[in-house]
Amino acid sequence: MKTWSRTKRTVALAPVGLTILLTLVGSAFGQTTADGAAASNLATPAVEQVAIPTKNLLQVIRDGGPLMLPIGVCSFILLVFVFERTIALRRGRVIPRPFVRRFLEQIAEGQLDRKSAAQLCEENGSPVAEVFAAAVNKWGRPSVEVEQAIIDAGERMTNGLRAYIRLFNGISTICPLLGLLGTVLGMISAFNAIATAAAMGRPELLAGGISQALLTTAAGLTVAIPALIAYLFFVGRVDKLVIEIDSLGQQLVSLIAGDARPREASGAGTRSSGNKAA
């Protein structure tokens, strides 16, 4: 009977003991979770301190290292010469339509002689006027000589139109190399921090080198991509203008070449004799 009563009392106290045990485990788990949350909250400022800057331009330049200076200079040069080439390669400046139309019409109608045509080209001063002036200087010569004069003047004019365009290609090549050099220097700085200060457990010591590596690469590509786009755009623009000037030069050759005028004169003479016969 005593054994039975003792067993009965033990069974009765078992739920109470289990409840106490679960309470202790829950308290310990809650304390661990709270400690983990507190540790996470304490670690958050450290993560914010080592974050790579993306909003403050001055901070980006400062953390990017010394190579951000030549990349910034390249970006300034690119901006200046893109603006300059945009103005210089306007079609109205290279091939002024009113001047070209009036010039060709007056020559076709016989209203201009060699001297007055040369004076008009000199007063206009546009690239297409320079080509026309070279052709007018060969007025009355065979078409081969007039065409050769147009070709020579066209080459000089093309070199003028392509001025500074190689600069865009150079910037698009140099800036990624500067960014790559900055990446290498940043990684060297990060590895030195690991070797000298056991920085694997301290990310703030690695942040400087990693920031420099990534920021210089991003800056180099940010400048190089627009430079390449500008280079391709202006090269296509110049080619289009040169083709149009060449076409206008061929029209002028047919009007002033010496071996073309007799055919026109003979045709006019035939028409006039036909009118007299009528």
Protein backbone atom coordinates (compact mmCIF):
# COMPACT_ATOMS: atom_id res chain seq x y z
CA MET A 1 0.00 0.00 0.00
CA LYS A 2 2.84 2.39 0.80
CA THR A 3 4.49 1.61 -2.53
CA TRP A 4 1.24 2.17 -4.35
CA SER A 5 0.60 5.49 -2.60
CA ARG A 6 4.18 6.63 -3.29
CA THR A 7 3.82 5.72 -6.97
CA LYS A 8 0.49 7.50 -7.11
CA ARG A 9 2.06 10.65 -5.58
CA THR A 10 4.93 10.52 -8.12
CA VAL A 11 2.54 10.25 -11.04
CA ALA A 12 0.56 13.15 -9.67
CA LEU A 13 3.66 15.36 -9.38
CA ALA A 14 4.98 14.46 -12.89
CA PRO A 15 2.89 17.09 -14.78
CA VAL A 16 4.05 19.74 -12.34
CA GLY A 17 7.72 18.86 -12.93
CA LEU A 18 7.23 18.80 -16.72
CA THR A 19 5.61 22.22 -16.58
CA ILE A 20 8.54 23.63 -14.57
CA LEU A 21 11.04 22.09 -17.04
CA LEU A 22 9.27 23.58 -20.07
CA THR A 23 9.14 26.94 -18.33
CA LEU A 24 12.88 26.88 -17.70
CA VAL A 25 13.65 25.85 -21.32
CA GLY A 26 11.37 28.58 -22.67
CA SER A 27 13.01 31.18 -20.48
CA ALA A 28 16.46 30.11 -21.62
CA PHE A 29 15.41 30.15 -25.30
CA GLY A 30 13.83 33.57 -24.89
CA GLN A 31 16.98 34.88 -23.25
CA THR A 32 19.08 33.48 -26.11
CA THR A 33 16.80 35.07 -28.70
CA ALA A 34 16.93 38.40 -26.89
CA ASP A 35 20.73 38.19 -26.71
CA GLY A 36 20.85 37.41 -30.44
CA ALA A 37 18.57 40.32 -31.25
CA ALA A 38 20.63 42.63 -29.10
CA ALA A 39 23.80 41.42 -30.79
CA SER A 40 22.18 41.98 -34.19
CA ASN A 41 21.17 45.49 -33.17
CA LEU A 42 24.69 46.17 -32.00
CA ALA A 43 26.12 44.84 -35.27
CA THR A 44 23.82 46.94 -37.45
CA PRO A 45 25.70 50.22 -36.97
CA ALA A 46 28.94 48.48 -37.92
CA VAL A 47 27.36 47.30 -41.21
CA GLU A 48 26.17 50.83 -41.90
CA GLN A 49 29.64 52.19 -41.20
CA VAL A 50 31.30 49.89 -43.75
CA ALA A 51 28.64 50.34 -46.45
CA ILE A 52 29.87 51.58 -49.83
CA PRO A 53 28.70 55.19 -50.41
CA THR A 54 26.38 55.65 -53.39
CA LYS A 55 24.50 58.90 -52.70
CA ASN A 56 27.12 61.43 -51.65
CA LEU A 57 29.33 62.29 -54.64
CA LEU A 58 32.11 63.79 -52.55
CA GLN A 59 32.19 60.69 -50.37
CA VAL A 60 32.30 58.48 -53.47
CA ILE A 61 35.27 60.43 -54.84
CA ARG A 62 37.02 60.37 -51.46
CA ASP A 63 36.57 56.61 -50.96
CA GLY A 64 37.44 55.83 -54.59
CA GLY A 65 41.06 56.75 -54.04
CA PRO A 66 43.53 58.83 -56.07
CA LEU A 67 42.51 57.32 -59.42
CA MET A 68 39.13 59.03 -59.17
CA LEU A 69 40.90 62.29 -60.06
CA PRO A 70 42.05 61.30 -63.60
CA ILE A 71 38.68 59.62 -64.23
CA GLY A 72 36.95 62.85 -63.21
CA VAL A 73 39.21 64.86 -65.53
CA CYS A 74 38.34 62.50 -68.40
CA SER A 75 34.63 62.96 -67.71
CA PHE A 76 35.01 66.76 -67.79
CA ILE A 77 36.95 66.65 -71.08
CA LEU A 78 34.34 64.32 -72.56
CA LEU A 79 31.51 66.67 -71.61
CA VAL A 80 33.26 69.74 -73.08
CA PHE A 81 34.11 68.17 -76.43
CA VAL A 82 30.77 66.45 -76.85
CA PHE A 83 29.19 69.88 -76.55
CA GLU A 84 31.74 71.36 -78.99
CA ARG A 85 31.29 68.62 -81.63
CA THR A 86 27.51 68.80 -81.33
CA ILE A 87 27.64 72.46 -82.33
CA ALA A 88 30.41 72.09 -84.94
CA LEU A 89 28.76 69.19 -86.79
CA ARG A 90 25.33 70.73 -87.19
CA ARG A 91 24.14 70.24 -90.74
CA GLY A 92 23.21 73.91 -91.10
CA ARG A 93 26.81 74.85 -90.28
CA VAL A 94 28.55 72.25 -92.45
CA ILE A 95 26.14 72.28 -95.41
CA PRO A 96 23.99 75.43 -95.31
CA ARG A 97 21.08 74.53 -97.56
CA PRO A 98 20.18 78.09 -98.76
CA PHE A 99 23.76 78.80 -99.85
CA VAL A 100 24.14 75.47 -101.69
CA ARG A 101 20.82 75.76 -103.51
CA ARG A 102 21.38 79.37 -104.56
CA PHE A 103 25.00 78.75 -105.58
CA LEU A 104 24.22 75.79 -107.84
CA GLU A 105 21.16 77.48 -109.37
CA GLN A 106 23.08 80.67 -110.22
CA ILE A 107 25.92 78.70 -111.83
CA ALA A 108 23.45 76.59 -113.83
CA GLU A 109 21.69 79.75 -115.06
CA GLY A 110 24.98 81.46 -115.95
CA GLN A 111 24.60 84.25 -113.38
CA LEU A 112 28.02 83.65 -111.80
CA ASP A 113 31.48 83.71 -113.29
CA ARG A 114 34.63 82.30 -111.76
CA LYS A 115 35.54 85.38 -109.73
CA SER A 116 32.09 86.01 -108.26
CA ALA A 117 31.64 82.31 -107.43
CA ALA A 118 34.99 82.23 -105.59
CA GLN A 119 34.02 85.39 -103.69
CA LEU A 120 30.71 83.84 -102.57
CA CYS A 121 32.49 80.72 -101.31
CA GLU A 122 35.00 82.81 -99.38
CA GLU A 123 32.26 84.89 -97.77
CA ASN A 124 30.28 81.84 -96.70
CA GLY A 125 33.23 80.01 -95.12
CA SER A 126 31.41 76.71 -94.44
CA PRO A 127 33.11 73.36 -95.12
CA VAL A 128 31.03 72.78 -98.25
CA ALA A 129 31.98 76.28 -99.45
CA GLU A 130 35.67 75.35 -99.07
CA VAL A 131 35.12 72.34 -101.33
CA PHE A 132 33.22 74.46 -103.86
CA ALA A 133 36.01 77.06 -103.83
CA ALA A 134 38.59 74.39 -104.72
CA ALA A 135 36.41 73.29 -107.64
CA VAL A 136 35.82 76.89 -108.80
CA ASN A 137 39.59 77.43 -108.95
CA LYS A 138 39.63 74.75 -111.68
CA TRP A 139 36.77 76.38 -113.58
CA GLY A 140 36.83 75.39 -117.28
CA ARG A 141 39.41 72.61 -116.75
CA PRO A 142 38.69 68.96 -117.65
CA SER A 143 36.37 67.16 -115.24
CA VAL A 144 39.23 64.95 -114.00
CA GLU A 145 41.12 67.97 -112.68
CA VAL A 146 38.00 69.46 -111.12
CA GLU A 147 37.17 66.17 -109.41
CA GLN A 148 40.74 65.84 -108.12
CA ALA A 149 40.53 69.34 -106.66
CA ILE A 150 37.28 68.39 -104.92
CA ILE A 151 38.85 65.20 -103.57
CA ASP A 152 41.87 67.05 -102.16
CA ALA A 153 39.72 69.74 -100.56
CA GLY A 154 37.33 67.07 -99.27
CA GLU A 155 40.15 65.27 -97.47
CA ARG A 156 41.22 68.45 -95.72
CA MET A 157 37.61 69.22 -94.85
CA THR A 158 37.08 65.68 -93.51
CA ASN A 159 40.10 65.98 -91.24
CA GLY A 160 38.62 69.18 -89.85
CA LEU A 161 35.25 67.55 -89.23
CA ARG A 162 36.88 64.60 -87.48
CA ALA A 163 38.85 66.80 -85.09
CA TYR A 164 38.65 65.65 -81.44
CA ILE A 165 36.69 62.50 -82.37
CA ARG A 166 39.73 60.33 -81.63
CA LEU A 167 39.66 61.86 -78.16
CA PHE A 168 36.36 60.10 -77.46
CA ASN A 169 37.85 56.77 -78.49
CA GLY A 170 40.86 57.41 -76.26
CA ILE A 171 38.69 58.19 -73.24
CA SER A 172 36.58 55.09 -73.82
CA THR A 173 39.79 53.03 -73.78
CA ILE A 174 41.67 54.71 -70.94
CA CYS A 175 38.88 55.00 -68.34
CA PRO A 176 38.22 51.23 -67.97
CA LEU A 177 41.98 50.71 -67.57
CA LEU A 178 42.07 53.35 -64.83
CA GLY A 179 39.13 51.62 -63.16
CA LEU A 180 40.90 48.26 -63.40
CA LEU A 181 44.04 49.76 -61.87
CA GLY A 182 41.94 51.15 -59.03
CA THR A 183 40.42 47.71 -58.52
CA VAL A 184 43.87 46.13 -58.25
CA LEU A 185 45.05 48.79 -55.80
CA GLY A 186 41.91 48.36 -53.71
CA MET A 187 42.32 44.59 -53.54
CA ILE A 188 45.96 45.02 -52.56
CA SER A 189 44.84 47.31 -49.73
CA ALA A 190 42.23 44.78 -48.60
CA PHE A 191 44.73 41.90 -48.58
CA ASN A 192 47.24 43.98 -46.66
CA ALA A 193 44.55 44.67 -44.06
CA ILE A 194 43.88 40.93 -43.76
CA ALA A 195 47.56 40.11 -43.40
CA THR A 196 48.52 42.79 -40.92
CA ALA A 197 45.44 43.19 -38.69
CA ALA A 198 43.59 39.84 -38.85
CA ALA A 199 40.75 41.67 -40.55
CA MET A 200 38.71 38.58 -41.46
CA GLY A 201 36.66 39.13 -38.32
CA ARG A 202 36.58 42.91 -38.68
CA PRO A 203 34.84 43.94 -41.90
CA GLU A 204 35.38 47.64 -41.24
CA LEU A 205 39.11 47.15 -41.89
CA LEU A 206 38.37 45.59 -45.29
CA ALA A 207 35.81 48.23 -46.29
CA GLY A 208 38.36 50.79 -47.51
CA GLY A 209 40.07 48.50 -50.00
CA ILE A 210 36.84 46.93 -51.24
CA SER A 211 35.18 50.33 -51.64
CA GLN A 212 38.13 51.64 -53.63
CA ALA A 213 38.11 48.56 -55.87
CA LEU A 214 34.40 48.76 -56.69
CA LEU A 215 34.05 52.54 -56.92
CA THR A 216 36.93 53.05 -59.34
CA THR A 217 35.66 50.28 -61.60
CA ALA A 218 32.16 51.75 -61.60
CA ALA A 219 33.50 55.27 -62.25
CA GLY A 220 35.68 54.12 -65.14
CA LEU A 221 32.81 52.31 -66.84
CA THR A 222 30.44 55.22 -66.20
CA VAL A 223 32.73 57.52 -68.20
CA ALA A 224 33.86 55.00 -70.83
CA ILE A 225 30.40 53.90 -72.01
CA PRO A 226 29.14 57.43 -72.93
CA ALA A 227 32.52 58.15 -74.55
CA LEU A 228 32.19 55.12 -76.81
CA ILE A 229 28.60 56.04 -77.70
CA ALA A 230 29.70 59.61 -78.55
CA TYR A 231 32.56 58.29 -80.69
CA LEU A 232 30.30 56.03 -82.74
CA PHE A 233 27.65 58.74 -83.13
CA PHE A 234 30.03 61.46 -84.35
CA VAL A 235 31.89 59.12 -86.70
CA GLY A 236 28.59 58.22 -88.36
CA ARG A 237 27.61 61.88 -88.46
CA VAL A 238 30.84 62.88 -90.23
CA ASP A 239 30.56 60.04 -92.75
CA LYS A 240 27.03 61.10 -93.63
CA LEU A 241 28.05 64.74 -94.15
CA VAL A 242 31.07 63.77 -96.27
CA ILE A 243 28.92 61.63 -98.56
CA GLU A 244 26.48 64.49 -99.05
CA ILE A 245 29.26 66.99 -99.80
CA ASP A 246 30.73 64.58 -102.35
CA SER A 247 27.36 64.35 -104.08
CA LEU A 248 27.08 68.15 -104.24
CA GLY A 249 30.62 68.34 -105.60
CA GLN A 250 29.72 66.00 -108.45
CA GLN A 251 26.83 68.30 -109.36
CA LEU A 252 29.24 71.24 -109.45
CA VAL A 253 31.68 69.32 -111.67
CA SER A 254 28.97 68.81 -114.28
CA LEU A 255 28.36 72.57 -114.32
CA ILE A 256 31.88 74.04 -114.48
CA ALA A 257 34.09 71.35 -116.06
CA GLY A 258 35.54 72.29 -119.41
CA ASP A 259 34.66 69.03 -121.16
CA ALA A 260 31.03 69.32 -119.99
CA ARG A 261 30.35 72.89 -121.18
CA PRO A 262 30.92 72.26 -124.92
CA ARG A 263 28.25 69.58 -124.89
CA GLU A 264 25.83 72.01 -123.28
CA ALA A 265 26.81 74.74 -125.75
CA SER A 266 26.42 72.43 -128.73
CA GLY A 267 23.03 71.37 -127.41
CA ALA A 268 22.03 75.02 -127.05
CA GLY A 269 23.29 75.74 -130.55
CA THR A 270 21.27 72.87 -131.96
CA ARG A 271 18.15 74.13 -130.22
CA SER A 272 18.68 77.68 -131.51
CA SER A 273 19.31 76.51 -135.09
CA GLY A 274 16.17 74.42 -134.87
CA ASN A 275 14.21 77.48 -133.77
CA LYS A 276 15.60 79.52 -136.66
CA ALA A 277 14.67 76.80 -139.15
CA ALA A 278 11.18 76.75 -137.78
